[in-house]
């Protein structure tokens, strides 16, 4: 089900964030390309392990109705040669904080999906004063190596691995939370994910394998929303429970019928939950 370049050019607009204001943030260790949409209270979207901020297009477009949405490319996304300079999870968290500083955002809402959720949580534990709220989808308090996680490691570490490999397509169906009947969406997601160099994906996955927020989880003191698909096979129930109970006052919302890629498959639903959370009386910084 490999999408051709012609198809992608003609049809990606259905899922892209459309009109946006793009630019480059000159950070200390790399130049981060970014895009922003909409007006209102700032909301920073941190992309996941693969696909860049373009994969967040469907979600960004909906959130931009109420917020000034900003998203950026993680280190290595545009230049895999960055991997020659050793960096770890803490460096990527520092990049996120520096991106906020570069835009003079004193305390925005920070939302991360999957790998980006880990970065958002780590920053909330390190510098809770840097954000008003933190929202995550597709991550827990730690990585627990189960069967699917081992499969993910194999998928992301094999090289080269063609994007139209039947095994890869089946793996993506698991990430979707079931067989994806929307062929156009499936093609958009799979093609966008493979825009990220496989060595970059492998490096990020190795960082996830060592991730454990548990020793620092009580440092998170900002209002927190945790969105969890009930078909997300990459986040264990134990890891999710540890996160929701470890963060004081955290709100856990279970998304019925959603998998790991809920932000792409159910963007309107995710956006609704975000708006509901940010408008609640208990949440600081209403949208």
C-alpha atoms as a PDB file:
ATOM      1  CA  UNK A   1       0.000   0.000   0.000  1.00  0.00           C
ATOM      2  CA  UNK A   2       2.849   2.315  -0.775  1.00  0.00           C
ATOM      3  CA  UNK A   3       1.772   5.806  -1.773  1.00  0.00           C
ATOM      4  CA  UNK A   4       3.407   7.296  -4.817  1.00  0.00           C
ATOM      5  CA  UNK A   5       4.904  10.761  -4.751  1.00  0.00           C
ATOM      6  CA  UNK A   6       2.245  11.964  -7.194  1.00  0.00           C
ATOM      7  CA  UNK A   7      -0.561  10.691  -4.960  1.00  0.00           C
ATOM      8  CA  UNK A   8       1.019  12.255  -1.910  1.00  0.00           C
ATOM      9  CA  UNK A   9       1.400  15.629  -3.604  1.00  0.00           C
ATOM     10  CA  UNK A  10      -2.192  15.662  -4.851  1.00  0.00           C
ATOM     11  CA  UNK A  11      -3.979  14.245  -1.818  1.00  0.00           C
ATOM     12  CA  UNK A  12      -1.975  15.052   1.314  1.00  0.00           C
ATOM     13  CA  UNK A  13      -3.869  18.336   1.635  1.00  0.00           C
ATOM     14  CA  UNK A  14      -6.774  16.369   3.091  1.00  0.00           C
ATOM     15  CA  UNK A  15      -4.662  15.615   6.165  1.00  0.00           C
ATOM     16  CA  UNK A  16      -2.153  18.469   6.206  1.00  0.00           C
ATOM     17  CA  UNK A  17      -2.549  21.501   8.492  1.00  0.00           C
ATOM     18  CA  UNK A  18      -2.902  23.622   5.333  1.00  0.00           C
ATOM     19  CA  UNK A  19      -2.020  27.286   5.628  1.00  0.00           C
ATOM     20  CA  UNK A  20       0.561  27.896   8.313  1.00  0.00           C
ATOM     21  CA  UNK A  21       3.364  30.257   9.184  1.00  0.00           C
ATOM     22  CA  UNK A  22       6.667  28.439   8.915  1.00  0.00           C
ATOM     23  CA  UNK A  23      10.111  29.460  10.082  1.00  0.00           C
ATOM     24  CA  UNK A  24      13.396  28.342  11.593  1.00  0.00           C
ATOM     25  CA  UNK A  25      14.347  28.552  15.269  1.00  0.00           C
ATOM     26  CA  UNK A  26      18.087  28.924  15.767  1.00  0.00           C
ATOM     27  CA  UNK A  27      18.701  26.644  18.743  1.00  0.00           C
ATOM     28  CA  UNK A  28      22.127  25.977  20.208  1.00  0.00           C
ATOM     29  CA  UNK A  29      22.657  22.541  18.687  1.00  0.00           C
ATOM     30  CA  UNK A  30      20.548  22.651  15.524  1.00  0.00           C
ATOM     31  CA  UNK A  31      18.182  24.781  13.493  1.00  0.00           C
ATOM     32  CA  UNK A  32      14.627  23.627  14.170  1.00  0.00           C
ATOM     33  CA  UNK A  33      12.119  24.176  11.410  1.00  0.00           C
ATOM     34  CA  UNK A  34       8.680  24.913  12.790  1.00  0.00           C
ATOM     35  CA  UNK A  35       5.179  25.916  11.817  1.00  0.00           C
ATOM     36  CA  UNK A  36       2.359  27.690  13.618  1.00  0.00           C
ATOM     37  CA  UNK A  37      -1.339  28.022  12.967  1.00  0.00           C
ATOM     38  CA  UNK A  38      -4.263  29.922  14.406  1.00  0.00           C
ATOM     39  CA  UNK A  39      -4.568  32.584  17.086  1.00  0.00           C
ATOM     40  CA  UNK A  40      -5.208  32.473  20.793  1.00  0.00           C
ATOM     41  CA  UNK A  41      -3.490  30.972  23.854  1.00  0.00           C
ATOM     42  CA  UNK A  42      -0.268  29.185  22.831  1.00  0.00           C
ATOM     43  CA  UNK A  43      -0.256  25.404  22.576  1.00  0.00           C
ATOM     44  CA  UNK A  44       2.981  23.648  21.630  1.00  0.00           C
ATOM     45  CA  UNK A  45       2.639  20.255  19.916  1.00  0.00           C
ATOM     46  CA  UNK A  46       5.641  17.935  20.295  1.00  0.00           C
ATOM     47  CA  UNK A  47       5.763  15.320  17.516  1.00  0.00           C
ATOM     48  CA  UNK A  48       6.296  11.617  18.005  1.00  0.00           C
ATOM     49  CA  UNK A  49       9.025   9.162  17.153  1.00  0.00           C
ATOM     50  CA  UNK A  50       8.537   9.420  13.382  1.00  0.00           C
ATOM     51  CA  UNK A  51       6.693  11.495  10.818  1.00  0.00           C
ATOM     52  CA  UNK A  52       7.679  14.949  12.072  1.00  0.00           C
ATOM     53  CA  UNK A  53       5.200  17.690  12.820  1.00  0.00           C
ATOM     54  CA  UNK A  54       3.533  17.104   9.447  1.00  0.00           C
ATOM     55  CA  UNK A  55       1.974  13.925  10.851  1.00  0.00           C
ATOM     56  CA  UNK A  56       0.233  16.153  13.411  1.00  0.00           C
ATOM     57  CA  UNK A  57      -1.458  18.097  10.607  1.00  0.00           C
ATOM     58  CA  UNK A  58      -5.004  16.763  11.165  1.00  0.00           C
ATOM     59  CA  UNK A  59      -4.794  17.526  14.896  1.00  0.00           C
ATOM     60  CA  UNK A  60      -3.078  20.912  14.470  1.00  0.00           C
ATOM     61  CA  UNK A  61      -5.734  22.063  12.010  1.00  0.00           C
ATOM     62  CA  UNK A  62      -8.499  21.380  14.521  1.00  0.00           C
ATOM     63  CA  UNK A  63      -6.728  22.830  17.549  1.00  0.00           C
ATOM     64  CA  UNK A  64      -5.935  25.985  15.561  1.00  0.00           C
ATOM     65  CA  UNK A  65      -9.631  26.903  15.720  1.00  0.00           C
ATOM     66  CA  UNK A  66      -9.087  27.912  19.353  1.00  0.00           C
ATOM     67  CA  UNK A  67      -5.356  28.175  19.941  1.00  0.00           C
ATOM     68  CA  UNK A  68      -2.107  29.437  18.525  1.00  0.00           C
ATOM     69  CA  UNK A  69      -0.594  26.050  17.729  1.00  0.00           C
ATOM     70  CA  UNK A  70       3.159  25.680  17.297  1.00  0.00           C
ATOM     71  CA  UNK A  71       5.083  22.556  16.387  1.00  0.00           C
ATOM     72  CA  UNK A  72       8.673  21.900  15.421  1.00  0.00           C
ATOM     73  CA  UNK A  73      11.003  19.215  14.073  1.00  0.00           C
ATOM     74  CA  UNK A  74      12.939  17.251  16.661  1.00  0.00           C
ATOM     75  CA  UNK A  75      16.700  17.094  16.381  1.00  0.00           C
ATOM     76  CA  UNK A  76      17.699  14.705  13.586  1.00  0.00           C
ATOM     77  CA  UNK A  77      14.370  14.892  11.741  1.00  0.00           C
ATOM     78  CA  UNK A  78      15.664  17.082   8.928  1.00  0.00           C
ATOM     79  CA  UNK A  79      19.277  15.951   9.155  1.00  0.00           C
ATOM     80  CA  UNK A  80      20.078  12.367  10.249  1.00  0.00           C
ATOM     81  CA  UNK A  81      23.781  13.287  10.290  1.00  0.00           C
ATOM     82  CA  UNK A  82      23.011  14.982  13.619  1.00  0.00           C
ATOM     83  CA  UNK A  83      23.278  11.474  15.076  1.00  0.00           C
ATOM     84  CA  UNK A  84      27.047  11.724  14.661  1.00  0.00           C
ATOM     85  CA  UNK A  85      26.974  14.096  17.605  1.00  0.00           C
ATOM     86  CA  UNK A  86      25.878  12.034  20.576  1.00  0.00           C
ATOM     87  CA  UNK A  87      22.735  13.255  22.306  1.00  0.00           C
ATOM     88  CA  UNK A  88      20.180  11.693  24.580  1.00  0.00           C
ATOM     89  CA  UNK A  89      16.705  12.231  25.945  1.00  0.00           C
ATOM     90  CA  UNK A  90      17.845  15.046  28.236  1.00  0.00           C
ATOM     91  CA  UNK A  91      19.239  16.927  25.232  1.00  0.00           C
ATOM     92  CA  UNK A  92      15.922  16.663  23.381  1.00  0.00           C
ATOM     93  CA  UNK A  93      14.122  17.944  26.484  1.00  0.00           C
ATOM     94  CA  UNK A  94      16.529  20.888  26.577  1.00  0.00           C
ATOM     95  CA  UNK A  95      15.772  21.508  22.884  1.00  0.00           C
ATOM     96  CA  UNK A  96      12.065  21.733  23.754  1.00  0.00           C
ATOM     97  CA  UNK A  97      12.713  24.207  26.546  1.00  0.00           C
ATOM     98  CA  UNK A  98      14.955  26.264  24.289  1.00  0.00           C
ATOM     99  CA  UNK A  99      12.249  26.266  21.606  1.00  0.00           C
ATOM    100  CA  UNK A 100       9.830  27.751  24.151  1.00  0.00           C
ATOM    101  CA  UNK A 101      12.428  30.387  25.080  1.00  0.00           C
ATOM    102  CA  UNK A 102      13.095  31.194  21.415  1.00  0.00           C
ATOM    103  CA  UNK A 103       9.401  32.005  20.948  1.00  0.00           C
ATOM    104  CA  UNK A 104       9.271  33.843  24.294  1.00  0.00           C
ATOM    105  CA  UNK A 105       6.565  31.521  25.562  1.00  0.00           C
ATOM    106  CA  UNK A 106       6.605  31.895  29.330  1.00  0.00           C
ATOM    107  CA  UNK A 107       4.165  29.132  30.261  1.00  0.00           C
ATOM    108  CA  UNK A 108       2.232  27.647  27.346  1.00  0.00           C
ATOM    109  CA  UNK A 109       0.289  24.426  27.248  1.00  0.00           C
ATOM    110  CA  UNK A 110       2.600  21.675  26.010  1.00  0.00           C
ATOM    111  CA  UNK A 111       1.113  18.607  24.347  1.00  0.00           C
ATOM    112  CA  UNK A 112       3.173  15.639  23.246  1.00  0.00           C
ATOM    113  CA  UNK A 113       2.167  12.482  21.410  1.00  0.00           C
ATOM    114  CA  UNK A 114       4.011   9.171  21.797  1.00  0.00           C
ATOM    115  CA  UNK A 115       7.748   9.993  21.965  1.00  0.00           C
ATOM    116  CA  UNK A 116       6.842  13.675  22.148  1.00  0.00           C
ATOM    117  CA  UNK A 117       4.733  12.929  25.210  1.00  0.00           C
ATOM    118  CA  UNK A 118       7.815  11.588  26.947  1.00  0.00           C
ATOM    119  CA  UNK A 119       9.660  14.829  26.210  1.00  0.00           C
ATOM    120  CA  UNK A 120       6.726  16.895  27.501  1.00  0.00           C
ATOM    121  CA  UNK A 121       6.541  14.887  30.734  1.00  0.00           C
ATOM    122  CA  UNK A 122      10.288  15.078  31.277  1.00  0.00           C
ATOM    123  CA  UNK A 123      10.223  18.859  30.892  1.00  0.00           C
ATOM    124  CA  UNK A 124       7.249  19.080  33.267  1.00  0.00           C
ATOM    125  CA  UNK A 125       9.256  17.130  35.847  1.00  0.00           C
ATOM    126  CA  UNK A 126      12.429  19.144  35.250  1.00  0.00           C
ATOM    127  CA  UNK A 127      10.913  22.636  34.966  1.00  0.00           C
ATOM    128  CA  UNK A 128       7.204  22.680  35.881  1.00  0.00           C
ATOM    129  CA  UNK A 129       7.222  26.475  35.822  1.00  0.00           C
ATOM    130  CA  UNK A 130       7.858  26.424  32.048  1.00  0.00           C
ATOM    131  CA  UNK A 131       4.310  25.311  31.220  1.00  0.00           C
ATOM    132  CA  UNK A 132       0.767  25.938  32.373  1.00  0.00           C
ATOM    133  CA  UNK A 133      -0.567  22.518  31.455  1.00  0.00           C
ATOM    134  CA  UNK A 134       0.808  19.294  30.043  1.00  0.00           C
ATOM    135  CA  UNK A 135      -1.153  16.949  27.808  1.00  0.00           C
ATOM    136  CA  UNK A 136       0.071  13.575  26.565  1.00  0.00           C
ATOM    137  CA  UNK A 137      -1.281  10.824  24.371  1.00  0.00           C
ATOM    138  CA  UNK A 138       0.354   7.481  23.694  1.00  0.00           C
ATOM    139  CA  UNK A 139       2.843   7.282  26.566  1.00  0.00           C
ATOM    140  CA  UNK A 140       3.120   6.139  30.167  1.00  0.00           C
ATOM    141  CA  UNK A 141       5.580   6.492  33.023  1.00  0.00           C
ATOM    142  CA  UNK A 142       8.114   3.999  31.693  1.00  0.00           C
ATOM    143  CA  UNK A 143       8.912   1.587  28.913  1.00  0.00           C
ATOM    144  CA  UNK A 144       7.985  -2.042  29.508  1.00  0.00           C
ATOM    145  CA  UNK A 145       9.311  -4.526  26.996  1.00  0.00           C
ATOM    146  CA  UNK A 146       6.455  -6.753  25.883  1.00  0.00           C
ATOM    147  CA  UNK A 147       5.938  -8.689  22.661  1.00  0.00           C
ATOM    148  CA  UNK A 148       4.763  -5.759  20.561  1.00  0.00           C
ATOM    149  CA  UNK A 149       7.552  -3.573  21.928  1.00  0.00           C
ATOM    150  CA  UNK A 150      10.066  -6.200  20.797  1.00  0.00           C
ATOM    151  CA  UNK A 151       8.424  -6.242  17.379  1.00  0.00           C
ATOM    152  CA  UNK A 152       8.647  -2.446  17.251  1.00  0.00           C
ATOM    153  CA  UNK A 153      12.350  -2.671  18.030  1.00  0.00           C
ATOM    154  CA  UNK A 154      12.817  -5.140  15.193  1.00  0.00           C
ATOM    155  CA  UNK A 155      10.830  -3.012  12.753  1.00  0.00           C
ATOM    156  CA  UNK A 156      12.714   0.152  13.592  1.00  0.00           C
ATOM    157  CA  UNK A 157      16.190  -1.358  13.689  1.00  0.00           C
ATOM    158  CA  UNK A 158      16.155  -3.391  10.456  1.00  0.00           C
ATOM    159  CA  UNK A 159      17.797  -1.628   7.557  1.00  0.00           C
ATOM    160  CA  UNK A 160      16.820  -1.186   4.819  1.00  0.00           C
ATOM    161  CA  UNK A 161      13.122  -1.881   5.299  1.00  0.00           C
ATOM    162  CA  UNK A 162      10.745  -1.036   2.417  1.00  0.00           C
ATOM    163  CA  UNK A 163       7.654   0.952   3.322  1.00  0.00           C
ATOM    164  CA  UNK A 164       5.426  -1.398   1.279  1.00  0.00           C
ATOM    165  CA  UNK A 165       6.553  -4.504   3.199  1.00  0.00           C
ATOM    166  CA  UNK A 166       3.415  -6.531   4.216  1.00  0.00           C
ATOM    167  CA  UNK A 167       4.854  -7.079   7.683  1.00  0.00           C
ATOM    168  CA  UNK A 168       5.313  -3.329   8.123  1.00  0.00           C
ATOM    169  CA  UNK A 169       1.743  -2.681   6.979  1.00  0.00           C
ATOM    170  CA  UNK A 170       0.445  -5.196   9.526  1.00  0.00           C
ATOM    171  CA  UNK A 171       2.524  -3.491  12.223  1.00  0.00           C
ATOM    172  CA  UNK A 172       0.926  -0.159  11.322  1.00  0.00           C
ATOM    173  CA  UNK A 173      -2.513  -1.750  11.613  1.00  0.00           C
ATOM    174  CA  UNK A 174      -1.596  -2.616  15.206  1.00  0.00           C
ATOM    175  CA  UNK A 175      -0.592   0.999  15.832  1.00  0.00           C
ATOM    176  CA  UNK A 176      -3.919   2.142  14.381  1.00  0.00           C
ATOM    177  CA  UNK A 177      -5.691  -0.150  16.834  1.00  0.00           C
ATOM    178  CA  UNK A 178      -7.080  -2.414  14.134  1.00  0.00           C
ATOM    179  CA  UNK A 179      -7.269  -2.713  10.378  1.00  0.00           C
ATOM    180  CA  UNK A 180      -7.525   0.748   8.887  1.00  0.00           C
ATOM    181  CA  UNK A 181     -10.310   0.913   6.299  1.00  0.00           C
ATOM    182  CA  UNK A 182      -9.560   4.502   5.334  1.00  0.00           C
ATOM    183  CA  UNK A 183      -6.969   3.778   2.647  1.00  0.00           C
ATOM    184  CA  UNK A 184      -6.133   7.439   2.103  1.00  0.00           C
ATOM    185  CA  UNK A 185      -5.405   7.956   5.799  1.00  0.00           C
ATOM    186  CA  UNK A 186      -3.362   4.758   5.965  1.00  0.00           C
ATOM    187  CA  UNK A 187      -1.256   5.871   3.026  1.00  0.00           C
ATOM    188  CA  UNK A 188      -0.764   9.351   4.447  1.00  0.00           C
ATOM    189  CA  UNK A 189       0.398   8.052   7.833  1.00  0.00           C
ATOM    190  CA  UNK A 190       2.698   5.330   6.507  1.00  0.00           C
ATOM    191  CA  UNK A 191       4.293   7.579   3.921  1.00  0.00           C
ATOM    192  CA  UNK A 192       4.754  10.406   6.418  1.00  0.00           C
ATOM    193  CA  UNK A 193       6.325   8.079   8.978  1.00  0.00           C
ATOM    194  CA  UNK A 194       8.848   6.896   6.391  1.00  0.00           C
ATOM    195  CA  UNK A 195       9.891  10.489   5.745  1.00  0.00           C
ATOM    196  CA  UNK A 196      11.876  10.075   8.970  1.00  0.00           C
ATOM    197  CA  UNK A 197      15.197   8.364   8.354  1.00  0.00           C
ATOM    198  CA  UNK A 198      15.205   4.845   9.764  1.00  0.00           C
ATOM    199  CA  UNK A 199      18.437   5.434  11.675  1.00  0.00           C
ATOM    200  CA  UNK A 200      16.752   8.378  13.432  1.00  0.00           C
ATOM    201  CA  UNK A 201      13.769   6.205  14.360  1.00  0.00           C
ATOM    202  CA  UNK A 202      16.081   3.519  15.699  1.00  0.00           C
ATOM    203  CA  UNK A 203      17.997   6.045  17.798  1.00  0.00           C
ATOM    204  CA  UNK A 204      14.831   7.465  19.310  1.00  0.00           C
ATOM    205  CA  UNK A 205      13.523   4.000  20.065  1.00  0.00           C
ATOM    206  CA  UNK A 206      16.749   3.204  21.921  1.00  0.00           C
ATOM    207  CA  UNK A 207      16.125   6.288  24.076  1.00  0.00           C
ATOM    208  CA  UNK A 208      12.576   5.115  24.804  1.00  0.00           C
ATOM    209  CA  UNK A 209      13.886   1.737  25.932  1.00  0.00           C
ATOM    210  CA  UNK A 210      15.806   3.421  28.749  1.00  0.00           C
ATOM    211  CA  UNK A 211      12.992   5.808  29.676  1.00  0.00           C
ATOM    212  CA  UNK A 212      11.604   5.663  33.226  1.00  0.00           C
ATOM    213  CA  UNK A 213       9.928   8.713  34.724  1.00  0.00           C
ATOM    214  CA  UNK A 214       9.013   6.929  37.964  1.00  0.00           C
ATOM    215  CA  UNK A 215      11.788   8.436  40.154  1.00  0.00           C
ATOM    216  CA  UNK A 216      10.798  11.977  39.101  1.00  0.00           C
ATOM    217  CA  UNK A 217       7.075  11.658  38.569  1.00  0.00           C
ATOM    218  CA  UNK A 218       6.125  13.462  41.795  1.00  0.00           C
ATOM    219  CA  UNK A 219       7.895  16.594  40.541  1.00  0.00           C
ATOM    220  CA  UNK A 220       5.141  17.201  37.984  1.00  0.00           C
ATOM    221  CA  UNK A 221       2.913  19.822  39.581  1.00  0.00           C
ATOM    222  CA  UNK A 222       1.079  21.324  36.602  1.00  0.00           C
ATOM    223  CA  UNK A 223      -2.466  20.334  35.526  1.00  0.00           C
ATOM    224  CA  UNK A 224      -2.051  17.158  33.491  1.00  0.00           C
ATOM    225  CA  UNK A 225      -4.271  15.415  30.955  1.00  0.00           C
ATOM    226  CA  UNK A 226      -3.454  11.838  29.942  1.00  0.00           C
ATOM    227  CA  UNK A 227      -5.179  10.495  26.837  1.00  0.00           C
ATOM    228  CA  UNK A 228      -4.987   6.731  26.422  1.00  0.00           C
ATOM    229  CA  UNK A 229      -6.390   4.591  23.622  1.00  0.00           C
ATOM    230  CA  UNK A 230      -7.845   1.339  24.900  1.00  0.00           C
ATOM    231  CA  UNK A 231      -6.211  -0.418  21.918  1.00  0.00           C
ATOM    232  CA  UNK A 232      -2.793   1.163  22.393  1.00  0.00           C
ATOM    233  CA  UNK A 233      -0.563  -1.901  22.584  1.00  0.00           C
ATOM    234  CA  UNK A 234       2.643   0.094  23.041  1.00  0.00           C
ATOM    235  CA  UNK A 235       1.646   1.514  26.443  1.00  0.00           C
ATOM    236  CA  UNK A 236       1.182  -1.077  29.170  1.00  0.00           C
ATOM    237  CA  UNK A 237      -1.660  -0.800  31.707  1.00  0.00           C
ATOM    238  CA  UNK A 238       0.923  -0.735  34.525  1.00  0.00           C
ATOM    239  CA  UNK A 239       2.838   2.150  32.980  1.00  0.00           C
ATOM    240  CA  UNK A 240      -0.379   4.087  32.387  1.00  0.00           C
ATOM    241  CA  UNK A 241      -1.600   3.499  35.936  1.00  0.00           C
ATOM    242  CA  UNK A 242       1.741   4.589  37.396  1.00  0.00           C
ATOM    243  CA  UNK A 243       1.562   7.844  35.418  1.00  0.00           C
ATOM    244  CA  UNK A 244      -2.066   8.676  36.224  1.00  0.00           C
ATOM    245  CA  UNK A 245      -1.636   7.919  39.933  1.00  0.00           C
ATOM    246  CA  UNK A 246       1.861   9.359  40.237  1.00  0.00           C
ATOM    247  CA  UNK A 247       0.976  12.837  38.965  1.00  0.00           C
ATOM    248  CA  UNK A 248      -1.129  14.613  41.588  1.00  0.00           C
ATOM    249  CA  UNK A 249      -4.537  15.548  40.214  1.00  0.00           C
ATOM    250  CA  UNK A 250      -3.897  14.109  36.761  1.00  0.00           C
ATOM    251  CA  UNK A 251      -6.965  13.515  34.597  1.00  0.00           C
ATOM    252  CA  UNK A 252      -6.990  10.222  32.702  1.00  0.00           C
ATOM    253  CA  UNK A 253      -9.300   9.897  29.676  1.00  0.00           C
ATOM    254  CA  UNK A 254      -9.577   6.492  28.024  1.00  0.00           C
ATOM    255  CA  UNK A 255     -10.333   6.616  24.314  1.00  0.00           C
ATOM    256  CA  UNK A 256     -12.531   3.702  23.315  1.00  0.00           C
ATOM    257  CA  UNK A 257     -11.606   2.033  20.049  1.00  0.00           C
ATOM    258  CA  UNK A 258      -8.373   4.043  19.644  1.00  0.00           C
ATOM    259  CA  UNK A 259      -4.832   2.790  19.170  1.00  0.00           C
ATOM    260  CA  UNK A 260      -1.414   4.382  19.529  1.00  0.00           C
ATOM    261  CA  UNK A 261      -1.983   6.712  16.563  1.00  0.00           C
ATOM    262  CA  UNK A 262      -5.230   8.190  17.904  1.00  0.00           C
ATOM    263  CA  UNK A 263      -3.931  11.711  17.256  1.00  0.00           C
ATOM    264  CA  UNK A 264      -3.947  10.871  13.519  1.00  0.00           C
ATOM    265  CA  UNK A 265      -6.985   8.588  13.293  1.00  0.00           C
ATOM    266  CA  UNK A 266      -9.281  10.510  15.668  1.00  0.00           C
ATOM    267  CA  UNK A 267      -7.990  14.118  15.599  1.00  0.00           C
ATOM    268  CA  UNK A 268     -11.404  15.709  16.206  1.00  0.00           C
ATOM    269  CA  UNK A 269     -11.941  13.537  19.254  1.00  0.00           C
ATOM    270  CA  UNK A 270      -8.501  14.349  20.630  1.00  0.00           C
ATOM    271  CA  UNK A 271      -9.024  18.073  19.990  1.00  0.00           C
ATOM    272  CA  UNK A 272     -12.382  17.960  21.779  1.00  0.00           C
ATOM    273  CA  UNK A 273     -10.781  16.380  24.845  1.00  0.00           C
ATOM    274  CA  UNK A 274      -8.019  18.988  24.824  1.00  0.00           C
ATOM    275  CA  UNK A 275     -10.489  21.869  24.598  1.00  0.00           C
ATOM    276  CA  UNK A 276     -12.656  20.379  27.335  1.00  0.00           C
ATOM    277  CA  UNK A 277      -9.651  20.008  29.629  1.00  0.00           C
ATOM    278  CA  UNK A 278      -8.293  23.508  29.021  1.00  0.00           C
ATOM    279  CA  UNK A 279     -11.694  25.085  29.580  1.00  0.00           C
ATOM    280  CA  UNK A 280     -12.411  23.261  32.829  1.00  0.00           C
ATOM    281  CA  UNK A 281     -12.508  25.410  36.014  1.00  0.00           C
ATOM    282  CA  UNK A 282      -9.740  23.313  37.588  1.00  0.00           C
ATOM    283  CA  UNK A 283      -7.339  23.975  34.712  1.00  0.00           C
ATOM    284  CA  UNK A 284      -5.081  27.011  34.672  1.00  0.00           C
ATOM    285  CA  UNK A 285      -4.944  28.983  31.434  1.00  0.00           C
ATOM    286  CA  UNK A 286      -8.347  28.565  29.830  1.00  0.00           C
ATOM    287  CA  UNK A 287      -8.562  28.376  26.053  1.00  0.00           C
END
